């Protein structure tokens, strides 16, 4: 089988290196997918932003705005 002058040494380094690269790429993909999902979740509007928008559109008056803002615990 190994009667020729063929030396399999390069393949002995190439295969583990490719496996390490494959694992790193998979971990990077998982990291970025989780990060994008968590980023979308945290970019939502909070209650104070919605309250400000409703006040700006005239859906609520200043008294209601102040009361609800105090209820939300902001100054």
PDB file of N, CA and C in Angstrom:
ATOM      1  N   UNK A   1       0.810  -1.181   0.000  1.00  0.00           N
ATOM      2  CA  UNK A   1       0.000   0.000   0.000  1.00  0.00           C
ATOM      3  C   UNK A   1       0.863   1.258   0.000  1.00  0.00           C
ATOM      4  N   UNK A   2       1.867   1.364   0.842  1.00  0.00           N
ATOM      5  CA  UNK A   2       2.716   2.542   0.898  1.00  0.00           C
ATOM      6  C   UNK A   2       4.075   2.260   0.234  1.00  0.00           C
ATOM      7  N   UNK A   3       4.040   1.520  -0.862  1.00  0.00           N
ATOM      8  CA  UNK A   3       5.286   1.158  -1.504  1.00  0.00           C
ATOM      9  C   UNK A   3       5.880   2.270  -2.355  1.00  0.00           C
ATOM     10  N   UNK A   4       5.088   3.301  -2.612  1.00  0.00           N
ATOM     11  CA  UNK A   4       5.614   4.397  -3.426  1.00  0.00           C
ATOM     12  C   UNK A   4       6.275   5.428  -2.517  1.00  0.00           C
ATOM     13  N   UNK A   5       6.721   6.489  -3.092  1.00  0.00           N
ATOM     14  CA  UNK A   5       7.353   7.558  -2.322  1.00  0.00           C
ATOM     15  C   UNK A   5       6.328   8.557  -1.780  1.00  0.00           C
ATOM     16  N   UNK A   6       5.075   8.200  -1.809  1.00  0.00           N
ATOM     17  CA  UNK A   6       4.011   9.091  -1.333  1.00  0.00           C
ATOM     18  C   UNK A   6       4.135   9.284   0.177  1.00  0.00           C
ATOM     19  N   UNK A   7       4.073  10.537   0.604  1.00  0.00           N
ATOM     20  CA  UNK A   7       4.176  10.847   2.032  1.00  0.00           C
ATOM     21  C   UNK A   7       2.890  11.546   2.465  1.00  0.00           C
ATOM     22  N   UNK A   8       2.066  10.965   3.325  1.00  0.00           N
ATOM     23  CA  UNK A   8       0.749  11.529   3.672  1.00  0.00           C
ATOM     24  C   UNK A   8       0.808  12.641   4.710  1.00  0.00           C
ATOM     25  N   UNK A   9       1.961  13.179   4.999  1.00  0.00           N
ATOM     26  CA  UNK A   9       2.090  14.174   6.054  1.00  0.00           C
ATOM     27  C   UNK A   9       1.232  15.431   5.821  1.00  0.00           C
ATOM     28  N   UNK A  10       1.167  16.023   4.615  1.00  0.00           N
ATOM     29  CA  UNK A  10       0.326  17.224   4.451  1.00  0.00           C
ATOM     30  C   UNK A  10      -1.134  16.966   4.787  1.00  0.00           C
ATOM     31  N   UNK A  11      -1.622  15.784   4.461  1.00  0.00           N
ATOM     32  CA  UNK A  11      -3.016  15.477   4.766  1.00  0.00           C
ATOM     33  C   UNK A  11      -3.252  15.342   6.261  1.00  0.00           C
ATOM     34  N   UNK A  12      -2.235  14.962   6.990  1.00  0.00           N
ATOM     35  CA  UNK A  12      -2.384  14.818   8.429  1.00  0.00           C
ATOM     36  C   UNK A  12      -2.583  16.176   9.098  1.00  0.00           C
ATOM     37  N   UNK A  13      -2.105  17.257   8.498  1.00  0.00           N
ATOM     38  CA  UNK A  13      -2.314  18.599   9.038  1.00  0.00           C
ATOM     39  C   UNK A  13      -3.538  19.267   8.437  1.00  0.00           C
ATOM     40  N   UNK A  14      -3.847  18.943   7.198  1.00  0.00           N
ATOM     41  CA  UNK A  14      -4.958  19.581   6.503  1.00  0.00           C
ATOM     42  C   UNK A  14      -6.311  19.173   7.084  1.00  0.00           C
ATOM     43  N   UNK A  15      -6.509  17.903   7.358  1.00  0.00           N
ATOM     44  CA  UNK A  15      -7.800  17.415   7.850  1.00  0.00           C
ATOM     45  C   UNK A  15      -8.156  18.008   9.219  1.00  0.00           C
ATOM     46  N   UNK A  16      -7.278  18.012  10.215  1.00  0.00           N
ATOM     47  CA  UNK A  16      -7.633  18.631  11.496  1.00  0.00           C
ATOM     48  C   UNK A  16      -7.838  20.146  11.370  1.00  0.00           C
ATOM     49  N   UNK A  17      -7.045  20.788  10.517  1.00  0.00           N
ATOM     50  CA  UNK A  17      -7.208  22.238  10.322  1.00  0.00           C
ATOM     51  C   UNK A  17      -8.576  22.536   9.721  1.00  0.00           C
ATOM     52  N   UNK A  18      -9.001  21.745   8.759  1.00  0.00           N
ATOM     53  CA  UNK A  18     -10.324  21.953   8.151  1.00  0.00           C
ATOM     54  C   UNK A  18     -11.434  21.708   9.170  1.00  0.00           C
ATOM     55  N   UNK A  19     -11.270  20.725  10.032  1.00  0.00           N
ATOM     56  CA  UNK A  19     -12.270  20.455  11.059  1.00  0.00           C
ATOM     57  C   UNK A  19     -12.355  21.626  12.038  1.00  0.00           C
ATOM     58  N   UNK A  20     -11.224  22.178  12.430  1.00  0.00           N
ATOM     59  CA  UNK A  20     -11.223  23.331  13.338  1.00  0.00           C
ATOM     60  C   UNK A  20     -11.879  24.532  12.677  1.00  0.00           C
ATOM     61  N   UNK A  21     -11.567  24.771  11.410  1.00  0.00           N
ATOM     62  CA  UNK A  21     -12.182  25.883  10.683  1.00  0.00           C
ATOM     63  C   UNK A  21     -13.690  25.681  10.592  1.00  0.00           C
ATOM     64  N   UNK A  22     -14.128  24.461  10.318  1.00  0.00           N
ATOM     65  CA  UNK A  22     -15.557  24.165  10.226  1.00  0.00           C
ATOM     66  C   UNK A  22     -16.261  24.440  11.559  1.00  0.00           C
ATOM     67  N   UNK A  23     -15.672  24.026  12.661  1.00  0.00           N
ATOM     68  CA  UNK A  23     -16.269  24.252  13.979  1.00  0.00           C
ATOM     69  C   UNK A  23     -16.328  25.750  14.291  1.00  0.00           C
ATOM     70  N   UNK A  24     -15.265  26.484  13.975  1.00  0.00           N
ATOM     71  CA  UNK A  24     -15.246  27.929  14.228  1.00  0.00           C
ATOM     72  C   UNK A  24     -16.317  28.632  13.403  1.00  0.00           C
ATOM     73  N   UNK A  25     -16.464  28.258  12.149  1.00  0.00           N
ATOM     74  CA  UNK A  25     -17.493  28.864  11.297  1.00  0.00           C
ATOM     75  C   UNK A  25     -18.885  28.559  11.840  1.00  0.00           C
ATOM     76  N   UNK A  26     -19.120  27.338  12.265  1.00  0.00           N
ATOM     77  CA  UNK A  26     -20.426  26.979  12.842  1.00  0.00           C
ATOM     78  C   UNK A  26     -20.709  27.783  14.113  1.00  0.00           C
ATOM     79  N   UNK A  27     -19.733  27.908  14.981  1.00  0.00           N
ATOM     80  CA  UNK A  27     -19.924  28.681  16.207  1.00  0.00           C
ATOM     81  C   UNK A  27     -20.170  30.160  15.902  1.00  0.00           C
ATOM     82  N   UNK A  28     -19.467  30.699  14.916  1.00  0.00           N
ATOM     83  CA  UNK A  28     -19.675  32.096  14.534  1.00  0.00           C
ATOM     84  C   UNK A  28     -21.091  32.302  13.983  1.00  0.00           C
ATOM     85  N   UNK A  29     -21.566  31.374  13.187  1.00  0.00           N
ATOM     86  CA  UNK A  29     -22.929  31.483  12.653  1.00  0.00           C
ATOM     87  C   UNK A  29     -23.953  31.444  13.782  1.00  0.00           C
ATOM     88  N   UNK A  30     -23.780  30.548  14.719  1.00  0.00           N
ATOM     89  CA  UNK A  30     -24.701  30.465  15.856  1.00  0.00           C
ATOM     90  C   UNK A  30     -24.664  31.758  16.656  1.00  0.00           C
ATOM     91  N   UNK A  31     -23.472  32.281  16.906  1.00  0.00           N
ATOM     92  CA  UNK A  31     -23.332  33.527  17.660  1.00  0.00           C
ATOM     93  C   UNK A  31     -24.062  34.672  16.982  1.00  0.00           C
ATOM     94  N   UNK A  32     -23.865  34.849  15.683  1.00  0.00           N
ATOM     95  CA  UNK A  32     -24.494  35.967  14.984  1.00  0.00           C
ATOM     96  C   UNK A  32     -26.003  35.790  14.838  1.00  0.00           C
ATOM     97  N   UNK A  33     -26.469  34.554  14.704  1.00  0.00           N
ATOM     98  CA  UNK A  33     -27.915  34.337  14.624  1.00  0.00           C
ATOM     99  C   UNK A  33     -28.578  34.644  15.961  1.00  0.00           C
ATOM    100  N   UNK A  34     -27.980  34.205  17.057  1.00  0.00           N
ATOM    101  CA  UNK A  34     -28.534  34.492  18.382  1.00  0.00           C
ATOM    102  C   UNK A  34     -28.487  35.984  18.654  1.00  0.00           C
ATOM    103  N   UNK A  35     -27.402  36.615  18.276  1.00  0.00           N
ATOM    104  CA  UNK A  35     -27.262  38.054  18.485  1.00  0.00           C
ATOM    105  C   UNK A  35     -28.309  38.840  17.705  1.00  0.00           C
ATOM    106  N   UNK A  36     -28.601  38.422  16.476  1.00  0.00           N
ATOM    107  CA  UNK A  36     -29.600  39.137  15.687  1.00  0.00           C
ATOM    108  C   UNK A  36     -30.999  38.949  16.267  1.00  0.00           C
ATOM    109  N   UNK A  37     -31.289  37.759  16.774  1.00  0.00           N
ATOM    110  CA  UNK A  37     -32.604  37.522  17.380  1.00  0.00           C
ATOM    111  C   UNK A  37     -32.746  38.340  18.655  1.00  0.00           C
ATOM    112  N   UNK A  38     -31.722  38.373  19.478  1.00  0.00           N
ATOM    113  CA  UNK A  38     -31.781  39.149  20.716  1.00  0.00           C
ATOM    114  C   UNK A  38     -31.825  40.646  20.417  1.00  0.00           C
ATOM    115  N   UNK A  39     -31.151  41.075  19.366  1.00  0.00           N
ATOM    116  CA  UNK A  39     -31.163  42.485  18.992  1.00  0.00           C
ATOM    117  C   UNK A  39     -32.530  42.940  18.549  1.00  0.00           C
ATOM    118  N   UNK A  40     -33.224  42.105  17.781  1.00  0.00           N
ATOM    119  CA  UNK A  40     -34.584  42.448  17.357  1.00  0.00           C
ATOM    120  C   UNK A  40     -35.528  42.542  18.548  1.00  0.00           C
ATOM    121  N   UNK A  41     -35.326  41.690  19.505  1.00  0.00           N
ATOM    122  CA  UNK A  41     -36.205  41.676  20.660  1.00  0.00           C
ATOM    123  C   UNK A  41     -36.005  42.924  21.521  1.00  0.00           C
ATOM    124  N   UNK A  42     -34.787  43.413  21.620  1.00  0.00           N
ATOM    125  CA  UNK A  42     -34.525  44.550  22.499  1.00  0.00           C
ATOM    126  C   UNK A  42     -34.786  45.898  21.829  1.00  0.00           C
ATOM    127  N   UNK A  43     -35.016  45.907  20.509  1.00  0.00           N
ATOM    128  CA  UNK A  43     -35.248  47.161  19.812  1.00  0.00           C
ATOM    129  C   UNK A  43     -36.705  47.607  19.854  1.00  0.00           C
ATOM    130  N   UNK A  44     -37.534  46.908  20.574  1.00  0.00           N
ATOM    131  CA  UNK A  44     -38.937  47.264  20.641  1.00  0.00           C
ATOM    132  C   UNK A  44     -39.152  48.578  21.362  1.00  0.00           C
ATOM    133  N   UNK A  45     -40.291  49.174  21.080  1.00  0.00           N
ATOM    134  CA  UNK A  45     -40.589  50.440  21.736  1.00  0.00           C
ATOM    135  C   UNK A  45     -41.032  50.171  23.162  1.00  0.00           C
ATOM    136  N   UNK A  46     -40.649  51.055  24.045  1.00  0.00           N
ATOM    137  CA  UNK A  46     -41.095  50.896  25.423  1.00  0.00           C
ATOM    138  C   UNK A  46     -42.362  51.721  25.631  1.00  0.00           C
ATOM    139  N   UNK A  47     -42.964  51.588  26.785  1.00  0.00           N
ATOM    140  CA  UNK A  47     -44.254  52.217  27.063  1.00  0.00           C
ATOM    141  C   UNK A  47     -44.169  53.733  27.015  1.00  0.00           C
ATOM    142  N   UNK A  48     -43.059  54.302  27.455  1.00  0.00           N
ATOM    143  CA  UNK A  48     -42.926  55.756  27.449  1.00  0.00           C
ATOM    144  C   UNK A  48     -42.870  56.306  26.025  1.00  0.00           C
ATOM    145  N   UNK A  49     -42.220  55.587  25.115  1.00  0.00           N
ATOM    146  CA  UNK A  49     -42.195  56.017  23.716  1.00  0.00           C
ATOM    147  C   UNK A  49     -43.597  56.019  23.124  1.00  0.00           C
ATOM    148  N   UNK A  50     -44.360  54.990  23.409  1.00  0.00           N
ATOM    149  CA  UNK A  50     -45.732  54.913  22.911  1.00  0.00           C
ATOM    150  C   UNK A  50     -46.570  56.039  23.505  1.00  0.00           C
ATOM    151  N   UNK A  51     -46.373  56.314  24.782  1.00  0.00           N
ATOM    152  CA  UNK A  51     -47.102  57.398  25.439  1.00  0.00           C
ATOM    153  C   UNK A  51     -46.772  58.741  24.798  1.00  0.00           C
ATOM    154  N   UNK A  52     -45.503  58.978  24.519  1.00  0.00           N
ATOM    155  CA  UNK A  52     -45.098  60.229  23.869  1.00  0.00           C
ATOM    156  C   UNK A  52     -45.717  60.356  22.482  1.00  0.00           C
ATOM    157  N   UNK A  53     -45.743  59.261  21.738  1.00  0.00           N
ATOM    158  CA  UNK A  53     -46.353  59.293  20.407  1.00  0.00           C
ATOM    159  C   UNK A  53     -47.843  59.607  20.483  1.00  0.00           C
ATOM    160  N   UNK A  54     -48.528  58.991  21.419  1.00  0.00           N
ATOM    161  CA  UNK A  54     -49.962  59.257  21.559  1.00  0.00           C
ATOM    162  C   UNK A  54     -50.222  60.705  21.945  1.00  0.00           C
ATOM    163  N   UNK A  55     -49.373  61.255  22.801  1.00  0.00           N
ATOM    164  CA  UNK A  55     -49.504  62.665  23.191  1.00  0.00           C
ATOM    165  C   UNK A  55     -49.215  63.574  21.999  1.00  0.00           C
ATOM    166  N   UNK A  56     -48.212  63.234  21.214  1.00  0.00           N
ATOM    167  CA  UNK A  56     -47.863  64.035  20.047  1.00  0.00           C
ATOM    168  C   UNK A  56     -48.961  63.997  18.989  1.00  0.00           C
ATOM    169  N   UNK A  57     -49.643  62.866  18.845  1.00  0.00           N
ATOM    170  CA  UNK A  57     -50.735  62.771  17.865  1.00  0.00           C
ATOM    171  C   UNK A  57     -52.017  63.406  18.368  1.00  0.00           C
ATOM    172  N   UNK A  58     -52.060  63.746  19.635  1.00  0.00           N
ATOM    173  CA  UNK A  58     -53.249  64.371  20.204  1.00  0.00           C
ATOM    174  C   UNK A  58     -54.295  63.392  20.693  1.00  0.00           C
ATOM    175  N   UNK A  59     -53.938  62.139  20.846  1.00  0.00           N
ATOM    176  CA  UNK A  59     -54.887  61.135  21.321  1.00  0.00           C
ATOM    177  C   UNK A  59     -55.181  61.307  22.808  1.00  0.00           C
ATOM    178  N   UNK A  60     -54.221  61.834  23.558  1.00  0.00           N
ATOM    179  CA  UNK A  60     -54.422  62.087  24.984  1.00  0.00           C
ATOM    180  C   UNK A  60     -54.021  63.529  25.268  1.00  0.00           C
ATOM    181  N   UNK A  61     -54.608  64.086  26.324  1.00  0.00           N
ATOM    182  CA  UNK A  61     -54.262  65.470  26.674  1.00  0.00           C
ATOM    183  C   UNK A  61     -53.088  65.489  27.651  1.00  0.00           C
ATOM    184  N   UNK A  62     -52.690  66.702  28.040  1.00  0.00           N
ATOM    185  CA  UNK A  62     -51.500  66.839  28.881  1.00  0.00           C
ATOM    186  C   UNK A  62     -51.710  66.222  30.269  1.00  0.00           C
ATOM    187  N   UNK A  63     -52.910  66.349  30.814  1.00  0.00           N
ATOM    188  CA  UNK A  63     -53.183  65.787  32.140  1.00  0.00           C
ATOM    189  C   UNK A  63     -53.044  64.257  32.114  1.00  0.00           C
ATOM    190  N   UNK A  64     -53.619  63.626  31.091  1.00  0.00           N
ATOM    191  CA  UNK A  64     -53.498  62.173  30.974  1.00  0.00           C
ATOM    192  C   UNK A  64     -52.033  61.762  30.775  1.00  0.00           C
ATOM    193  N   UNK A  65     -51.338  62.539  29.956  1.00  0.00           N
ATOM    194  CA  UNK A  65     -49.925  62.243  29.699  1.00  0.00           C
ATOM    195  C   UNK A  65     -49.122  62.276  30.992  1.00  0.00           C
ATOM    196  N   UNK A  66     -49.314  63.342  31.778  1.00  0.00           N
ATOM    197  CA  UNK A  66     -48.563  63.481  33.041  1.00  0.00           C
ATOM    198  C   UNK A  66     -48.922  62.358  34.018  1.00  0.00           C
ATOM    199  N   UNK A  67     -50.203  62.028  34.091  1.00  0.00           N
ATOM    200  CA  UNK A  67     -50.642  60.978  35.020  1.00  0.00           C
ATOM    201  C   UNK A  67     -50.039  59.619  34.639  1.00  0.00           C
ATOM    202  N   UNK A  68     -50.094  59.293  33.376  1.00  0.00           N
ATOM    203  CA  UNK A  68     -49.568  58.002  32.930  1.00  0.00           C
ATOM    204  C   UNK A  68     -48.046  57.956  33.022  1.00  0.00           C
ATOM    205  N   UNK A  69     -47.394  59.086  32.797  1.00  0.00           N
ATOM    206  CA  UNK A  69     -45.944  59.132  32.913  1.00  0.00           C
ATOM    207  C   UNK A  69     -45.523  58.912  34.363  1.00  0.00           C
ATOM    208  N   UNK A  70     -46.273  59.517  35.302  1.00  0.00           N
ATOM    209  CA  UNK A  70     -45.969  59.279  36.719  1.00  0.00           C
ATOM    210  C   UNK A  70     -46.221  57.830  37.097  1.00  0.00           C
ATOM    211  N   UNK A  71     -47.269  57.238  36.529  1.00  0.00           N
ATOM    212  CA  UNK A  71     -47.583  55.840  36.798  1.00  0.00           C
ATOM    213  C   UNK A  71     -46.443  54.927  36.302  1.00  0.00           C
ATOM    214  N   UNK A  72     -45.832  55.289  35.187  1.00  0.00           N
ATOM    215  CA  UNK A  72     -44.729  54.486  34.648  1.00  0.00           C
ATOM    216  C   UNK A  72     -43.450  54.654  35.463  1.00  0.00           C
ATOM    217  N   UNK A  73     -43.424  55.645  36.365  1.00  0.00           N
ATOM    218  CA  UNK A  73     -42.291  55.810  37.251  1.00  0.00           C
ATOM    219  C   UNK A  73     -41.180  56.683  36.701  1.00  0.00           C
ATOM    220  N   UNK A  74     -41.501  57.514  35.708  1.00  0.00           N
ATOM    221  CA  UNK A  74     -40.501  58.429  35.178  1.00  0.00           C
ATOM    222  C   UNK A  74     -40.862  59.842  35.564  1.00  0.00           C
ATOM    223  N   UNK A  75     -39.906  60.735  35.481  1.00  0.00           N
ATOM    224  CA  UNK A  75     -40.164  62.120  35.858  1.00  0.00           C
ATOM    225  C   UNK A  75     -40.422  62.992  34.662  1.00  0.00           C
TER     226      UNK A  75
END
